[in-house]
């Protein structure tokens, strides 16, 4: 390489270096800001997750403590004092509170709690489905048998996650109306349902037996006493 070529290369390298430093002086703050944002964002996400976990644990502890109280009135009062930071958490507490109020023969207060869940648009839809189900099965709610039947059938047709429980309740309504044959037929079909849980299966089996039928028999062979 000649001296001239070497000189030109050195000058070119110097020019490139000067341009790079000039660009860094002008726009280097963007890179620094981006790094700070990434680090800050990661720290914020970690803090946020930690806060959510702490709140969830506190809510769980409060609910467990409330449910361990002696009677339904005490449990309902303790649950109503719990305030959750999330819509889902609040809906869960209100549903539990409604159940305890119903157990304490305070249907009107229970319905008020259920109405609050129904009006909560921010929570997940599963809580509103549970709310609709509880409203239909709560004792002394004032709803007619026909209204409860149509409501439960609507839950089933909507593909609700509570479909199996709604089927079980419809069988109980059949019994309430004196339609034991229809109840047994529904319960026998429910035993064959792939989504039935062990708890529901146990109750359905006991109910079929109490009606004088044999669990698992084909519908045409199911004997009905009385």
Protein backbone atom coordinates (compact mmCIF):
# COMPACT_ATOMS: atom_id res chain seq x y z
CA UNK A 1 0.00 0.00 0.00
CA UNK A 2 1.38 3.44 -0.93
CA UNK A 3 1.77 6.30 1.50
CA UNK A 4 -1.04 8.11 -0.30
CA UNK A 5 -3.46 5.18 0.08
CA UNK A 6 -2.50 4.81 3.72
CA UNK A 7 -3.11 8.49 4.36
CA UNK A 8 -6.53 8.38 2.64
CA UNK A 9 -7.54 5.35 4.70
CA UNK A 10 -6.53 7.04 7.95
CA UNK A 11 -8.47 10.16 7.02
CA UNK A 12 -11.54 8.09 6.11
CA UNK A 13 -11.35 6.22 9.40
CA UNK A 14 -11.09 9.50 11.29
CA UNK A 15 -14.08 10.89 9.45
CA UNK A 16 -16.13 7.80 10.26
CA UNK A 17 -15.11 8.06 13.90
CA UNK A 18 -16.08 11.72 14.04
CA UNK A 19 -19.45 10.97 12.47
CA UNK A 20 -20.08 8.15 14.93
CA UNK A 21 -19.28 10.37 17.92
CA UNK A 22 -21.48 13.09 16.48
CA UNK A 23 -24.38 10.65 16.07
CA UNK A 24 -23.88 9.39 19.62
CA UNK A 25 -23.91 12.95 20.95
CA UNK A 26 -27.15 13.63 19.09
CA UNK A 27 -29.03 10.37 19.56
CA UNK A 28 -27.19 8.44 22.24
CA UNK A 29 -29.77 9.51 24.82
CA UNK A 30 -32.36 7.44 22.93
CA UNK A 31 -30.37 4.26 23.50
CA UNK A 32 -29.84 5.16 27.15
CA UNK A 33 -33.56 5.89 27.56
CA UNK A 34 -34.46 2.60 25.90
CA UNK A 35 -32.22 0.68 28.28
CA UNK A 36 -33.71 2.51 31.27
CA UNK A 37 -37.22 1.78 30.04
CA UNK A 38 -36.46 -1.90 29.61
CA UNK A 39 -34.89 -2.16 33.06
CA UNK A 40 -37.62 -0.05 34.64
CA UNK A 41 -40.36 -2.02 32.89
CA UNK A 42 -38.94 -5.32 34.10
CA UNK A 43 -38.70 -3.97 37.64
CA UNK A 44 -42.27 -2.65 37.48
CA UNK A 45 -43.62 -5.97 36.19
CA UNK A 46 -41.82 -7.83 38.96
CA UNK A 47 -43.16 -5.44 41.60
CA UNK A 48 -46.67 -5.63 40.14
CA UNK A 49 -46.63 -9.45 40.17
CA UNK A 50 -45.38 -9.39 43.74
CA UNK A 51 -48.18 -7.01 44.76
CA UNK A 52 -50.83 -9.15 43.06
CA UNK A 53 -49.53 -12.28 44.77
CA UNK A 54 -49.50 -10.53 48.14
CA UNK A 55 -53.06 -9.28 47.64
CA UNK A 56 -54.28 -12.71 46.52
CA UNK A 57 -52.68 -14.38 49.55
CA UNK A 58 -54.22 -11.79 51.89
CA UNK A 59 -57.64 -12.31 50.30
CA UNK A 60 -57.33 -16.08 50.59
CA UNK A 61 -56.31 -15.86 54.25
CA UNK A 62 -59.25 -13.56 55.03
CA UNK A 63 -61.74 -15.84 53.25
CA UNK A 64 -60.42 -18.97 55.00
CA UNK A 65 -60.58 -17.22 58.38
CA UNK A 66 -64.17 -16.12 57.71
CA UNK A 67 -65.30 -19.60 56.64
CA UNK A 68 -63.86 -21.13 59.81
CA UNK A 69 -66.21 -19.17 62.08
CA UNK A 70 -68.86 -21.07 64.01
CA UNK A 71 -72.15 -20.23 62.34
CA UNK A 72 -73.51 -18.89 59.06
CA UNK A 73 -74.37 -15.46 60.47
CA UNK A 74 -70.80 -14.92 61.67
CA UNK A 75 -69.34 -16.21 58.42
CA UNK A 76 -71.60 -13.96 56.36
CA UNK A 77 -70.69 -10.89 58.43
CA UNK A 78 -66.97 -11.61 58.16
CA UNK A 79 -67.18 -12.17 54.40
CA UNK A 80 -69.08 -8.92 53.89
CA UNK A 81 -66.25 -7.06 55.64
CA UNK A 82 -63.69 -8.34 53.12
CA UNK A 83 -62.75 -5.96 50.31
CA UNK A 84 -60.85 -7.27 47.32
CA UNK A 85 -58.68 -5.17 45.02
CA UNK A 86 -59.87 -7.08 41.96
CA UNK A 87 -63.30 -7.54 40.38
CA UNK A 88 -62.90 -11.34 40.34
CA UNK A 89 -61.90 -11.44 43.99
CA UNK A 90 -64.84 -9.27 45.01
CA UNK A 91 -67.26 -11.43 43.01
CA UNK A 92 -65.95 -14.56 44.73
CA UNK A 93 -66.40 -13.01 48.18
CA UNK A 94 -69.92 -11.87 47.35
CA UNK A 95 -70.91 -15.33 46.09
CA UNK A 96 -69.60 -16.93 49.29
CA UNK A 97 -71.39 -14.31 51.34
CA UNK A 98 -74.66 -15.01 49.50
CA UNK A 99 -74.32 -18.72 50.27
CA UNK A 100 -73.82 -18.06 53.98
CA UNK A 101 -76.71 -15.59 54.09
CA UNK A 102 -78.96 -18.16 52.43
CA UNK A 103 -77.85 -20.76 54.99
CA UNK A 104 -78.83 -18.26 57.69
CA UNK A 105 -82.35 -17.96 56.17
CA UNK A 106 -81.67 -14.41 54.98
CA UNK A 107 -82.74 -14.87 51.38
CA UNK A 108 -83.32 -11.16 50.77
CA UNK A 109 -79.77 -10.24 51.86
CA UNK A 110 -78.39 -13.13 49.83
CA UNK A 111 -80.18 -11.88 46.72
CA UNK A 112 -78.67 -8.42 47.30
CA UNK A 113 -75.18 -9.94 47.23
CA UNK A 114 -76.02 -11.85 44.06
CA UNK A 115 -77.33 -8.68 42.43
CA UNK A 116 -73.97 -7.00 43.11
CA UNK A 117 -72.17 -9.84 41.32
CA UNK A 118 -74.57 -9.59 38.38
CA UNK A 119 -73.85 -5.87 38.03
CA UNK A 120 -70.08 -6.41 38.03
CA UNK A 121 -69.11 -6.21 34.34
CA UNK A 122 -65.37 -6.30 35.01
CA UNK A 123 -65.21 -9.82 36.44
CA UNK A 124 -64.94 -13.02 34.43
CA UNK A 125 -68.14 -14.42 32.99
CA UNK A 126 -67.88 -17.61 35.07
CA UNK A 127 -68.77 -15.61 38.19
CA UNK A 128 -71.93 -14.29 36.55
CA UNK A 129 -72.82 -17.85 35.52
CA UNK A 130 -72.41 -19.01 39.12
CA UNK A 131 -74.46 -16.02 40.22
CA UNK A 132 -77.29 -16.95 37.83
CA UNK A 133 -77.21 -20.54 39.06
CA UNK A 134 -77.27 -19.56 42.74
CA UNK A 135 -80.14 -17.15 42.12
CA UNK A 136 -82.19 -20.01 40.67
CA UNK A 137 -81.51 -22.49 43.49
CA UNK A 138 -81.42 -20.24 46.54
CA UNK A 139 -84.15 -21.23 49.04
CA UNK A 140 -87.05 -18.83 49.56
CA UNK A 141 -86.00 -16.60 46.66
CA UNK A 142 -89.60 -16.05 45.62
CA UNK A 143 -89.06 -17.50 42.15
CA UNK A 144 -91.71 -19.88 40.88
CA UNK A 145 -90.87 -23.46 39.91
CA UNK A 146 -91.58 -22.58 36.28
CA UNK A 147 -89.18 -19.61 36.40
CA UNK A 148 -86.49 -21.76 37.95
CA UNK A 149 -87.00 -24.44 35.30
CA UNK A 150 -86.74 -22.01 32.42
CA UNK A 151 -83.70 -20.35 33.98
CA UNK A 152 -81.89 -23.66 34.47
CA UNK A 153 -82.75 -24.76 30.93
CA UNK A 154 -81.34 -21.47 29.64
CA UNK A 155 -78.08 -22.12 31.51
CA UNK A 156 -77.87 -25.58 29.94
CA UNK A 157 -78.58 -24.39 26.41
CA UNK A 158 -76.00 -21.60 26.73
CA UNK A 159 -73.22 -24.15 27.23
CA UNK A 160 -72.55 -22.92 30.77
CA UNK A 161 -69.79 -24.56 32.78
CA UNK A 162 -72.54 -25.28 35.33
CA UNK A 163 -74.58 -27.38 32.90
CA UNK A 164 -74.27 -30.62 34.90
CA UNK A 165 -75.32 -28.90 38.13
CA UNK A 166 -78.27 -27.33 36.32
CA UNK A 167 -79.35 -30.78 35.08
CA UNK A 168 -79.22 -32.08 38.65
CA UNK A 169 -81.36 -29.18 39.87
CA UNK A 170 -83.91 -29.78 37.11
CA UNK A 171 -84.26 -33.36 38.33
CA UNK A 172 -84.94 -32.04 41.84
CA UNK A 173 -87.60 -29.72 40.42
CA UNK A 174 -89.17 -32.71 38.63
CA UNK A 175 -89.39 -34.44 42.01
CA UNK A 176 -90.84 -31.30 43.59
CA UNK A 177 -93.56 -31.32 40.93
CA UNK A 178 -94.24 -35.03 41.45
CA UNK A 179 -92.73 -36.07 38.11
CA UNK A 180 -90.53 -38.84 39.52
CA UNK A 181 -90.33 -40.76 36.25
CA UNK A 182 -88.99 -37.68 34.47
CA UNK A 183 -86.56 -37.11 37.33
CA UNK A 184 -85.18 -40.66 37.15
CA UNK A 185 -84.86 -40.48 33.36
CA UNK A 186 -82.92 -37.21 33.64
CA UNK A 187 -80.70 -38.58 36.42
CA UNK A 188 -79.94 -41.77 34.50
CA UNK A 189 -78.86 -39.68 31.49
CA UNK A 190 -76.75 -37.55 33.80
CA UNK A 191 -74.87 -40.61 35.03
CA UNK A 192 -73.75 -41.19 31.43
CA UNK A 193 -72.58 -37.60 30.98
CA UNK A 194 -68.83 -37.39 30.35
CA UNK A 195 -68.57 -34.14 32.34
CA UNK A 196 -70.14 -35.41 35.56
CA UNK A 197 -67.88 -35.02 38.60
CA UNK A 198 -67.44 -37.67 41.32
CA UNK A 199 -69.40 -35.55 43.80
CA UNK A 200 -72.36 -35.09 41.48
CA UNK A 201 -72.24 -38.77 40.47
CA UNK A 202 -72.47 -39.77 44.12
CA UNK A 203 -75.47 -37.50 44.76
CA UNK A 204 -77.22 -38.60 41.56
CA UNK A 205 -76.70 -42.27 42.41
CA UNK A 206 -78.13 -41.77 45.89
CA UNK A 207 -81.08 -39.84 44.51
CA UNK A 208 -81.91 -42.54 41.93
CA UNK A 209 -81.78 -45.17 44.66
CA UNK A 210 -84.02 -43.10 46.94
CA UNK A 211 -86.58 -42.98 44.13
CA UNK A 212 -86.70 -46.78 44.02
CA UNK A 213 -84.72 -47.16 40.81
CA UNK A 214 -81.38 -48.78 40.04
CA UNK A 215 -78.54 -46.50 38.93
CA UNK A 216 -77.37 -47.30 35.42
CA UNK A 217 -80.47 -49.17 34.28
CA UNK A 218 -81.81 -48.41 30.82
CA UNK A 219 -84.67 -45.95 30.94
CA UNK A 220 -87.24 -48.41 29.69
CA UNK A 221 -86.41 -50.85 32.49
CA UNK A 222 -86.26 -48.34 35.32
CA UNK A 223 -88.81 -49.26 37.98
CA UNK A 224 -90.58 -46.46 39.82
CA UNK A 225 -92.29 -47.08 43.15
CA UNK A 226 -95.58 -45.34 43.79
